[in-house]
Protein backbone atom coordinates (compact mmCIF):
# COMPACT_ATOMS: atom_id res chain seq x y z
CA UNK A 1 250.79 184.80 -38.36
CA UNK A 2 251.06 181.62 -36.36
CA UNK A 3 248.08 182.83 -34.40
CA UNK A 4 245.16 183.24 -36.76
CA UNK A 5 243.61 181.04 -39.38
CA UNK A 6 241.76 182.43 -42.38
CA UNK A 7 238.73 183.32 -40.26
CA UNK A 8 240.77 184.85 -37.47
CA UNK A 9 240.29 181.96 -35.04
CA UNK A 10 242.93 180.34 -32.83
CA UNK A 11 243.56 177.33 -35.03
CA UNK A 12 247.34 177.40 -35.46
CA UNK A 13 248.96 174.00 -35.53
CA UNK A 14 252.54 175.28 -35.40
CA UNK A 15 254.20 176.34 -32.14
CA UNK A 16 254.73 179.98 -31.33
CA UNK A 17 258.25 181.14 -32.14
CA UNK A 18 260.03 182.61 -29.10
CA UNK A 19 259.99 186.17 -30.40
CA UNK A 20 256.20 186.32 -30.63
CA UNK A 21 253.40 186.72 -28.11
CA UNK A 22 249.70 186.58 -28.87
CA UNK A 23 247.57 189.64 -28.27
CA UNK A 24 245.58 190.10 -25.07
CA UNK A 25 242.33 188.69 -26.45
CA UNK A 26 244.04 185.55 -27.74
CA UNK A 27 245.89 185.04 -24.44
CA UNK A 28 242.62 185.26 -22.53
CA UNK A 29 240.92 182.81 -24.91
CA UNK A 30 243.76 180.31 -24.48
CA UNK A 31 243.63 180.61 -20.69
CA UNK A 32 239.86 180.07 -20.66
CA UNK A 33 240.34 176.97 -22.83
CA UNK A 34 242.88 175.56 -20.36
CA UNK A 35 240.66 176.30 -17.34
CA UNK A 36 237.66 174.67 -19.02
CA UNK A 37 239.65 171.53 -19.78
CA UNK A 38 240.97 171.32 -16.20
CA UNK A 39 237.63 171.83 -14.45
CA UNK A 40 235.74 169.54 -16.80
CA UNK A 41 238.39 166.90 -16.09
CA UNK A 42 237.69 167.02 -12.35
CA UNK A 43 239.76 169.90 -10.94
CA UNK A 44 238.08 171.76 -8.08
CA UNK A 45 240.48 174.62 -8.71
CA UNK A 46 242.84 175.44 -11.57
CA UNK A 47 245.03 178.31 -12.68
CA UNK A 48 246.91 178.98 -15.88
CA UNK A 49 249.88 181.22 -16.62
CA UNK A 50 250.96 182.29 -20.10
CA UNK A 51 254.22 184.17 -20.05
CA UNK A 52 257.21 185.45 -21.90
CA UNK A 53 260.57 185.94 -20.20
CA UNK A 54 263.42 187.72 -21.95
CA UNK A 55 266.96 188.07 -20.63
CA UNK A 56 269.82 190.16 -21.95
CA UNK A 57 273.36 190.02 -20.56
CA UNK A 58 276.31 192.09 -21.78
CA UNK A 59 279.77 191.36 -20.31
CA UNK A 60 283.08 193.16 -20.81
CA UNK A 61 286.69 192.82 -19.62
CA UNK A 62 289.04 195.81 -19.69
CA UNK A 63 288.92 197.05 -23.33
CA UNK A 64 286.96 194.23 -24.95
CA UNK A 65 283.41 192.90 -25.12
CA UNK A 66 283.48 189.44 -23.60
CA UNK A 67 279.99 188.11 -24.25
CA UNK A 68 276.46 189.10 -25.24
CA UNK A 69 273.60 186.73 -24.38
CA UNK A 70 269.92 186.96 -25.27
CA UNK A 71 267.30 184.42 -24.19
CA UNK A 72 263.58 184.39 -24.95
CA UNK A 73 261.04 181.91 -23.63
CA UNK A 74 257.27 181.73 -24.26
CA UNK A 75 254.74 179.16 -23.08
CA UNK A 76 251.88 178.10 -20.85
CA UNK A 77 251.73 176.34 -17.47
CA UNK A 78 248.59 174.85 -15.91
CA UNK A 79 248.11 173.87 -12.28
CA UNK A 80 245.14 171.74 -11.19
CA UNK A 81 243.85 170.78 -7.74
CA UNK A 82 242.05 167.43 -7.68
CA UNK A 83 240.88 165.83 -4.43
CA UNK A 84 243.26 168.01 -2.42
CA UNK A 85 246.30 167.15 -4.56
CA UNK A 86 248.26 169.29 -7.03
CA UNK A 87 249.16 168.46 -10.59
CA UNK A 88 251.10 170.65 -13.03
CA UNK A 89 251.92 170.52 -16.74
CA UNK A 90 253.28 172.99 -19.28
CA UNK A 91 253.62 173.48 -23.02
CA UNK A 92 255.56 175.82 -25.27
CA UNK A 93 253.00 175.39 -28.05
CA UNK A 94 250.24 177.96 -27.68
CA UNK A 95 247.15 176.63 -29.41
CA UNK A 96 243.76 175.77 -27.99
CA UNK A 97 244.48 172.07 -28.40
CA UNK A 98 247.90 172.15 -26.73
CA UNK A 99 246.90 174.22 -23.69
CA UNK A 100 243.85 172.02 -23.17
CA UNK A 101 246.08 168.96 -23.40
CA UNK A 102 248.40 170.44 -20.78
CA UNK A 103 245.42 171.06 -18.51
CA UNK A 104 244.23 167.45 -18.87
CA UNK A 105 247.77 166.26 -18.14
CA UNK A 106 247.88 168.40 -14.98
CA UNK A 107 244.62 166.78 -13.84
CA UNK A 108 245.97 163.30 -14.58
CA UNK A 109 249.16 164.01 -12.63
CA UNK A 110 247.13 165.26 -9.65
CA UNK A 111 245.07 162.05 -9.64
CA UNK A 112 248.22 159.93 -9.87
CA UNK A 113 249.85 161.86 -7.00
CA UNK A 114 246.90 161.26 -4.67
CA UNK A 115 248.52 158.10 -3.31
CA UNK A 116 251.49 160.12 -1.97
CA UNK A 117 249.46 162.89 -0.35
CA UNK A 118 250.07 163.45 3.36
CA UNK A 119 247.18 165.87 3.82
CA UNK A 120 244.51 167.46 1.68
CA UNK A 121 245.47 170.87 0.34
CA UNK A 122 243.07 173.63 1.36
CA UNK A 123 243.30 177.06 -0.25
CA UNK A 124 242.41 180.10 1.79
CA UNK A 125 239.82 182.23 -0.04
CA UNK A 126 241.06 185.12 -2.17
CA UNK A 127 239.04 187.72 -4.09
CA UNK A 128 238.98 187.53 -7.87
CA UNK A 129 240.52 190.34 -9.93
CA UNK A 130 238.98 190.47 -13.38
CA UNK A 131 240.78 192.06 -16.32
CA UNK A 132 243.35 194.01 -14.30
CA UNK A 133 246.87 194.99 -15.33
CA UNK A 134 250.06 196.06 -13.51
CA UNK A 135 253.46 197.40 -14.61
CA UNK A 136 256.64 197.71 -12.56
CA UNK A 137 258.45 200.99 -11.90
CA UNK A 138 260.44 201.34 -15.11
CA UNK A 139 260.31 204.17 -17.64
CA UNK A 140 262.78 203.01 -20.31
CA UNK A 141 262.58 199.39 -21.45
CA UNK A 142 266.21 198.15 -21.56
CA UNK A 143 265.29 195.86 -24.44
CA UNK A 144 264.82 198.95 -26.59
CA UNK A 145 268.44 200.04 -25.96
CA UNK A 146 271.08 198.83 -28.44
CA UNK A 147 273.87 196.45 -27.50
CA UNK A 148 276.31 199.07 -28.82
CA UNK A 149 275.09 201.66 -26.30
CA UNK A 150 275.24 199.17 -23.44
CA UNK A 151 278.75 197.99 -24.31
CA UNK A 152 279.99 201.56 -24.82
CA UNK A 153 278.88 202.52 -21.31
CA UNK A 154 280.64 199.52 -19.78
CA UNK A 155 283.89 200.04 -21.68
CA UNK A 156 283.99 203.71 -20.64
CA UNK A 157 283.49 202.67 -17.00
CA UNK A 158 286.26 200.09 -17.32
CA UNK A 159 288.63 202.74 -18.66
CA UNK A 160 287.96 204.99 -15.67
CA UNK A 161 288.53 202.15 -13.19
CA UNK A 162 291.83 201.23 -14.88
CA UNK A 163 293.17 204.72 -14.22
CA UNK A 164 293.52 203.90 -10.52
CA UNK A 165 297.07 202.91 -9.59
CA UNK A 166 297.40 199.17 -9.19
CA UNK A 167 294.16 198.26 -10.94
CA UNK A 168 294.90 195.62 -13.56
CA UNK A 169 291.62 193.87 -14.24
CA UNK A 170 288.03 195.04 -14.58
CA UNK A 171 284.98 192.92 -15.23
CA UNK A 172 281.68 194.67 -15.86
CA UNK A 173 278.25 193.69 -17.04
CA UNK A 174 274.60 194.53 -17.46
CA UNK A 175 271.84 192.04 -16.63
CA UNK A 176 268.27 192.69 -17.76
CA UNK A 177 265.12 190.61 -17.35
CA UNK A 178 261.68 191.40 -18.73
CA UNK A 179 258.64 189.34 -17.77
CA UNK A 180 255.25 189.52 -19.43
CA UNK A 181 252.91 187.41 -17.31
CA UNK A 182 249.22 186.60 -17.80
CA UNK A 183 247.25 184.69 -15.18
CA UNK A 184 243.73 183.29 -14.96
CA UNK A 185 242.09 181.10 -12.36
CA UNK A 186 238.86 179.15 -11.98
CA UNK A 187 238.05 181.63 -9.19
CA UNK A 188 237.54 184.25 -11.91
CA UNK A 189 240.79 186.24 -11.92
CA UNK A 190 242.27 187.45 -15.21
CA UNK A 191 245.50 189.42 -14.66
CA UNK A 192 248.30 190.73 -16.87
CA UNK A 193 251.61 192.09 -15.58
CA UNK A 194 254.87 193.42 -16.99
CA UNK A 195 258.03 193.63 -14.88
CA UNK A 196 261.58 194.72 -15.70
CA UNK A 197 264.69 194.17 -13.60
CA UNK A 198 268.15 195.68 -14.15
CA UNK A 199 271.55 195.03 -12.61
CA UNK A 200 274.70 196.98 -13.54
CA UNK A 201 277.80 195.38 -12.06
CA UNK A 202 281.55 195.78 -11.85
CA UNK A 203 284.38 193.87 -10.22
CA UNK A 204 287.67 195.74 -10.07
CA UNK A 205 290.92 193.99 -9.16
CA UNK A 206 294.07 195.69 -7.92
CA UNK A 207 297.39 193.85 -7.67
CA UNK A 208 300.34 194.82 -5.49
CA UNK A 209 303.63 195.82 -7.15
CA UNK A 210 305.39 192.67 -5.90
CA UNK A 211 302.42 190.43 -6.95
CA UNK A 212 302.02 189.11 -3.40
CA UNK A 213 298.49 190.42 -2.89
CA UNK A 214 295.37 191.27 -4.83
CA UNK A 215 292.16 192.95 -3.69
CA UNK A 216 288.72 193.25 -5.28
CA UNK A 217 286.02 195.88 -5.15
CA UNK A 218 282.78 194.40 -6.36
CA UNK A 219 279.03 194.43 -5.75
CA UNK A 220 279.14 198.18 -6.31
CA UNK A 221 275.53 198.76 -7.43
CA UNK A 222 272.30 197.19 -6.22
CA UNK A 223 270.06 195.35 -8.70
CA UNK A 224 266.67 197.01 -8.97
CA UNK A 225 263.21 196.52 -10.41
CA UNK A 226 263.68 199.44 -12.78
CA UNK A 227 264.72 200.04 -16.38
CA UNK A 228 267.51 201.64 -18.41
CA UNK A 229 266.95 204.93 -16.61
CA UNK A 230 268.25 203.25 -13.43
CA UNK A 231 271.48 202.22 -15.18
CA UNK A 232 272.06 205.83 -16.23
CA UNK A 233 271.27 207.10 -12.72
CA UNK A 234 273.91 204.75 -11.28
CA UNK A 235 276.58 206.62 -13.31
CA UNK A 236 279.06 203.78 -13.62
CA UNK A 237 281.50 205.96 -15.55
CA UNK A 238 281.43 208.70 -12.92
CA UNK A 239 281.95 206.31 -9.99
CA UNK A 240 284.29 203.71 -11.50
CA UNK A 241 287.41 205.71 -10.64
CA UNK A 242 286.45 205.85 -6.96
CA UNK A 243 285.73 202.12 -6.88
CA UNK A 244 289.08 201.47 -8.54
CA UNK A 245 290.84 203.55 -5.90
CA UNK A 246 289.05 201.63 -3.15
CA UNK A 247 290.33 198.35 -4.62
CA UNK A 248 293.87 199.77 -4.73
CA UNK A 249 293.65 201.16 -1.19
CA UNK A 250 292.74 197.73 0.14
CA UNK A 251 296.24 196.57 -0.84
CA UNK A 252 297.74 198.74 1.89
CA UNK A 253 294.95 198.20 4.42
CA UNK A 254 295.88 196.88 7.84
CA UNK A 255 295.02 193.21 8.49
CA UNK A 256 292.34 193.09 11.14
CA UNK A 257 293.23 191.88 14.64
CA UNK A 258 291.02 189.04 15.83
CA UNK A 259 288.67 190.07 18.59
CA UNK A 260 285.30 191.53 19.48
CA UNK A 261 284.22 194.80 17.92
CA UNK A 262 281.16 196.97 17.64
CA UNK A 263 280.09 196.66 14.00
CA UNK A 264 278.50 199.51 12.05
CA UNK A 265 276.86 197.87 9.07
CA UNK A 266 275.88 199.90 6.02
CA UNK A 267 272.60 199.01 4.20
CA UNK A 268 274.68 197.85 1.21
CA UNK A 269 276.07 195.15 3.50
CA UNK A 270 273.25 194.49 5.96
CA UNK A 271 270.74 193.46 3.28
CA UNK A 272 272.51 190.10 2.83
CA UNK A 273 272.53 189.41 6.57
CA UNK A 274 268.78 190.14 6.57
CA UNK A 275 268.29 187.84 3.58
CA UNK A 276 270.14 184.87 5.05
CA UNK A 277 269.29 185.12 8.74
CA UNK A 278 265.72 186.48 8.56
CA UNK A 279 264.38 186.10 5.02
CA UNK A 280 265.00 182.38 4.61
CA UNK A 281 264.12 181.18 8.13
CA UNK A 282 260.72 182.92 8.01
CA UNK A 283 259.62 181.00 4.89
CA UNK A 284 256.81 178.84 6.26
CA UNK A 285 257.60 175.78 4.15
CA UNK A 286 261.14 175.73 5.57
CA UNK A 287 259.87 176.18 9.14
CA UNK A 288 257.47 173.25 8.68
CA UNK A 289 260.07 171.01 7.05
CA UNK A 290 258.46 170.84 3.61
CA UNK A 291 261.42 172.60 1.99
CA UNK A 292 265.15 172.14 2.54
CA UNK A 293 266.74 172.65 -0.88
CA UNK A 294 269.38 175.36 -1.36
CA UNK A 295 268.97 176.97 2.06
CA UNK A 296 267.96 174.28 4.53
CA UNK A 297 265.06 174.37 6.98
CA UNK A 298 264.72 176.85 9.87
CA UNK A 299 265.40 177.32 13.54
CA UNK A 300 262.27 179.53 13.68
CA UNK A 301 260.16 176.47 14.30
CA UNK A 302 257.70 175.05 15.14
CA UNK A 303 255.35 178.01 14.66
CA UNK A 304 253.37 177.32 17.85
CA UNK A 305 256.54 177.68 19.94
CA UNK A 306 257.94 180.82 18.32
CA UNK A 307 255.06 183.02 17.12
CA UNK A 308 254.65 185.80 19.64
CA UNK A 309 257.35 184.21 21.81
CA UNK A 310 260.79 184.11 20.17
CA UNK A 311 262.69 187.33 20.72
CA UNK A 312 264.66 187.90 17.54
CA UNK A 313 265.99 191.35 18.43
CA UNK A 314 265.40 194.53 20.44
CA UNK A 315 262.07 196.30 20.86
CA UNK A 316 262.82 198.75 18.03
CA UNK A 317 263.45 195.96 15.49
CA UNK A 318 260.69 195.57 12.90
CA UNK A 319 261.07 193.41 9.78
CA UNK A 320 258.53 193.92 7.01
CA UNK A 321 257.59 191.57 4.20
CA UNK A 322 256.05 193.19 1.13
CA UNK A 323 255.81 193.18 -2.65
CA UNK A 324 254.87 196.84 -2.86
CA UNK A 325 258.08 198.92 -2.70
CA UNK A 326 258.68 200.74 -6.01
CA UNK A 327 261.83 199.32 -7.56
CA UNK A 328 261.82 196.24 -5.37
CA UNK A 329 262.98 193.09 -7.16
CA UNK A 330 260.14 191.04 -5.69
CA UNK A 331 257.56 193.79 -6.17
CA UNK A 332 254.49 192.67 -8.12
CA UNK A 333 250.88 193.79 -8.34
CA UNK A 334 249.59 190.23 -7.96
CA UNK A 335 251.33 186.97 -7.09
CA UNK A 336 251.20 183.77 -9.14
CA UNK A 337 247.99 182.69 -7.42
CA UNK A 338 246.23 185.93 -8.31
CA UNK A 339 246.54 187.30 -4.76
CA UNK A 340 247.08 191.01 -4.25
CA UNK A 341 250.02 191.01 -1.79
CA UNK A 342 249.92 192.89 1.49
CA UNK A 343 252.57 194.46 3.69
CA UNK A 344 253.07 192.45 6.88
CA UNK A 345 255.46 192.31 9.83
CA UNK A 346 257.54 189.16 10.12
CA UNK A 347 259.24 190.55 13.23
CA UNK A 348 257.22 193.00 15.33
CA UNK A 349 258.90 194.91 18.14
CA UNK A 350 261.69 192.34 18.11
CA UNK A 351 259.42 189.25 18.36
CA UNK A 352 258.50 186.71 15.67
CA UNK A 353 255.09 187.75 14.39
CA UNK A 354 254.44 185.95 11.09
CA UNK A 355 255.76 183.89 8.18
CA UNK A 356 255.79 184.26 4.42
CA UNK A 357 252.71 182.45 3.07
CA UNK A 358 250.71 181.39 0.02
CA UNK A 359 247.02 180.43 -0.29
CA UNK A 360 247.95 176.86 0.57
CA UNK A 361 250.04 177.83 3.60
CA UNK A 362 247.89 180.50 5.26
CA UNK A 363 245.37 177.98 6.71
CA UNK A 364 248.25 176.30 8.54
CA UNK A 365 248.50 179.47 10.68
CA UNK A 366 244.75 179.95 11.11
CA UNK A 367 245.02 179.37 14.87
CA UNK A 368 247.56 182.21 15.18
CA UNK A 369 245.61 184.68 13.07
CA UNK A 370 242.43 183.97 15.05
CA UNK A 371 244.35 184.50 18.30
CA UNK A 372 245.59 187.83 16.95
CA UNK A 373 242.13 188.71 15.58
CA UNK A 374 243.58 188.96 12.10
CA UNK A 375 242.21 187.72 8.81
CA UNK A 376 243.54 184.36 7.62
CA UNK A 377 244.81 185.20 4.15
CA UNK A 378 247.77 184.61 1.90
CA UNK A 379 250.45 187.29 2.06
CA UNK A 380 250.86 186.95 -1.72
CA UNK A 381 254.19 185.10 -1.72
CA UNK A 382 253.52 182.65 -4.58
CA UNK A 383 255.92 182.87 -7.53
CA UNK A 384 257.24 180.74 -10.39
CA UNK A 385 260.40 181.55 -12.31
CA UNK A 386 258.68 180.96 -15.62
CA UNK A 387 255.65 179.51 -17.35
CA UNK A 388 257.22 176.02 -17.22
CA UNK A 389 257.80 176.11 -13.44
CA UNK A 390 255.18 175.33 -10.84
CA UNK A 391 254.55 178.24 -8.48
CA UNK A 392 255.34 177.90 -4.78
CA UNK A 393 256.27 180.09 -1.82
CA UNK A 394 259.05 182.55 -2.67
CA UNK A 395 260.53 185.36 -0.64
CA UNK A 396 258.96 188.83 -0.93
CA UNK A 397 260.96 191.97 -0.23
CA UNK A 398 262.08 191.57 3.40
CA UNK A 399 263.33 194.74 5.07
CA UNK A 400 264.64 196.18 8.32
CA UNK A 401 262.43 199.20 8.90
CA UNK A 402 263.89 202.57 9.98
CA UNK A 403 263.88 203.72 13.56
CA UNK A 404 261.84 206.63 14.90
CA UNK A 405 264.82 208.97 15.24
CA UNK A 406 266.51 210.44 12.15
CA UNK A 407 269.93 208.87 12.76
CA UNK A 408 272.45 208.60 9.91
CA UNK A 409 275.27 206.18 9.13
CA UNK A 410 277.72 208.94 10.11
CA UNK A 411 275.89 209.50 13.40
CA UNK A 412 276.30 205.83 14.32
CA UNK A 413 280.03 205.94 13.52
CA UNK A 414 280.41 209.08 15.64
CA UNK A 415 278.75 207.26 18.57
CA UNK A 416 281.09 204.25 18.33
CA UNK A 417 284.31 204.18 20.35
CA UNK A 418 285.97 201.02 18.98
CA UNK A 419 284.54 199.27 16.00
CA UNK A 420 284.51 198.37 12.31
CA UNK A 421 282.30 199.87 9.64
CA UNK A 422 281.45 197.51 6.76
CA UNK A 423 280.24 198.59 3.31
CA UNK A 424 279.07 196.17 0.61
CA UNK A 425 278.31 192.48 0.71
CA UNK A 426 280.91 189.77 0.28
CA UNK A 427 281.29 186.07 0.97
CA UNK A 428 279.08 184.34 3.51
CA UNK A 429 278.43 180.93 5.03
CA UNK A 430 275.41 179.86 7.06
CA UNK A 431 274.22 176.55 8.43
CA UNK A 432 271.14 174.60 7.35
CA UNK A 433 269.04 176.01 10.19
CA UNK A 434 270.04 179.64 9.44
CA UNK A 435 271.40 179.86 12.99
CA UNK A 436 275.22 179.99 12.81
CA UNK A 437 276.82 182.16 10.16
CA UNK A 438 279.86 184.07 8.96
CA UNK A 439 279.81 187.19 6.76
CA UNK A 440 282.47 189.16 4.90
CA UNK A 441 282.10 192.44 3.02
CA UNK A 442 283.67 194.78 0.47
CA UNK A 443 285.26 197.72 2.33
CA UNK A 444 286.16 197.79 6.02
CA UNK A 445 286.97 200.89 8.07
CA UNK A 446 288.47 200.93 11.55
CA UNK A 447 286.62 203.19 14.00
CA UNK A 448 288.33 204.74 17.03
CA UNK A 449 286.84 207.42 19.24
CA UNK A 450 283.92 208.01 16.88
CA UNK A 451 286.11 208.54 13.82
CA UNK A 452 287.27 206.44 10.88
CA UNK A 453 291.05 206.08 11.23
CA UNK A 454 291.94 203.76 8.35
CA UNK A 455 291.17 200.77 6.17
CA UNK A 456 291.16 197.16 7.33
CA UNK A 457 291.22 193.95 5.31
CA UNK A 458 290.58 190.22 5.80
CA UNK A 459 287.53 190.98 7.95
CA UNK A 460 284.69 188.53 8.61
CA UNK A 461 282.32 188.35 11.54
CA UNK A 462 280.70 185.33 13.14
CA UNK A 463 277.19 185.23 14.52
CA UNK A 464 274.37 183.22 16.01
CA UNK A 465 271.22 184.70 14.57
CA UNK A 466 269.20 185.66 17.70
CA UNK A 467 272.32 186.68 19.66
CA UNK A 468 273.45 188.87 16.77
CA UNK A 469 270.16 190.70 16.25
CA UNK A 470 269.66 191.17 19.99
CA UNK A 471 273.05 192.90 20.12
CA UNK A 472 271.75 195.65 17.81
CA UNK A 473 271.50 198.89 19.77
CA UNK A 474 271.29 201.66 17.11
CA UNK A 475 269.54 201.93 13.76
CA UNK A 476 269.21 204.65 11.17
CA UNK A 477 266.17 206.75 10.36
CA UNK A 478 264.04 207.03 7.22
CA UNK A 479 266.58 209.12 5.27
CA UNK A 480 269.21 206.37 5.63
CA UNK A 481 266.95 203.60 4.26
CA UNK A 482 268.13 201.93 1.03
CA UNK A 483 267.16 198.94 -1.12
CA UNK A 484 269.68 196.28 -2.12
CA UNK A 485 269.08 192.70 -3.08
CA UNK A 486 269.70 189.48 -4.98
CA UNK A 487 269.09 189.10 -8.72
CA UNK A 488 269.24 185.30 -8.52
CA UNK A 489 268.01 183.53 -5.37
CA UNK A 490 267.62 179.76 -5.64
CA UNK A 491 265.06 177.44 -4.10
CA UNK A 492 263.31 174.17 -4.79
CA UNK A 493 263.90 170.90 -6.58
CA UNK A 494 263.95 171.20 -9.55
CA UNK A 495 265.58 174.51 -8.78
CA UNK A 496 264.07 177.89 -9.56
CA UNK A 497 265.38 181.42 -9.05
CA UNK A 498 263.60 184.61 -8.13
CA UNK A 499 264.82 188.13 -7.46
CA UNK A 500 264.32 189.77 -4.08
CA UNK A 501 265.13 193.14 -2.53
CA UNK A 502 265.95 193.90 1.08
CA UNK A 503 265.62 197.38 2.45
CA UNK A 504 267.78 198.26 5.41
CA UNK A 505 269.11 201.14 7.44
CA UNK A 506 272.61 201.37 8.94
CA UNK A 507 272.78 199.63 12.29
CA UNK A 508 275.23 198.99 15.11
CA UNK A 509 275.84 195.58 16.68
CA UNK A 510 277.76 195.38 19.95
CA UNK A 511 280.74 193.13 20.65
CA UNK A 512 280.59 190.82 17.64
CA UNK A 513 283.35 188.25 17.11
CA UNK A 514 285.62 189.20 14.18
CA UNK A 515 288.12 186.83 12.57
CA UNK A 516 291.00 187.39 10.15
CA UNK A 517 290.32 185.50 6.89
CA UNK A 518 293.90 186.07 5.66
CA UNK A 519 295.56 184.10 8.40
CA UNK A 520 296.60 180.54 7.67
CA UNK A 521 296.41 177.76 10.22
């Protein structure tokens, strides 16, 4: 073994090969070595993460396997706080000497960065969790399932989709990620976690007989923090024919007339609107101007002018941040600072109530929490894509909570005289303040007199965030709540990705401007 010398000690001089991970005792010993080196070098606080991230992708087109990809990454990252300044270093070689060297490098970087510091970093206190473990809501590890079985499922689904008249092309795939994460801090936490994420996907393309039009049906299944059992529950083979027919039906759909409509948005569509117009602008680093990469800053700023004051939507609108929903892509037992996350309301009764925070960020809102007679604590929103990435504030699950009445998607359609129902997420565009936006979708139904009367195409709606959410006048109840989300959400420089779920219920928005994306100027 690369891990043990003749006497069983951690003396290996060769790096760990990607397919190996040390046992729990060895991981803990390595983390303690890194913490000791950091604190003895002058760090007032340090944390260390040893992790393994595996990815498996299987792609197919029509009757052939297109690609199979496996990645495997193992290593250690150390973060050190010296004189109120962060330093970070990482190594893929897991020996006592190399992790200690990474810790000393993190301390040296922190000292060198002191000259550029604008303010001293203060961490809000957090309890230590010693020798605890957590596992996400999966029952069958997808990395135990053969490539042959995965490809066979996809090819059978493709065959069913191709039976629909007009369907000519089918792309399908399976994405799997497995993270084994160990964390220790100078505060005394020692935590191990295992998380699995799965995403079955299909994109089905139908082409008109005269080749003048093509239509896609994609984004058919939500990614989820579950295992192979979730893929089987999605029943791609059983549903592929219906999705193929929907793609074909869009060829004969009526182009939408430009105008204002009441929109009935299904949870499979609304999650993306939540993500872009609520999830990103309530990240505290964006609101304070410390972060602008990938998604810009935020109009929900400055905090002292909007907390408890900015009306985002109607009284019945409540937006929850959490990392606790079973199956949620951002669900974790502990964040990458060792904090046990809590459920919290970003929007409470339609008004801005909070931001997404880490241990570093929570003290910035101390004045607000004291005013509200709430504890100043991190919401547990620290995350790093891998062991070689520094952790920072990342989005938790952000969800539109159900209303008090048990209203269904069908009930909302029945209550709508003239409108458009939208299922599935599509293209979108939003400005760098998350204020002005445009959203498409997958399937569009025209509503007249409380009934669906036909399919529409080329539909996109325009919005200004607070105007849009304040136009919401109906939402579904608990039975209509569903999780959807993003498997890859980017942030930072250098860039990182995380996965995040957004729960939502169907909702109606009054008199929203709809444009026709098929019209040419």
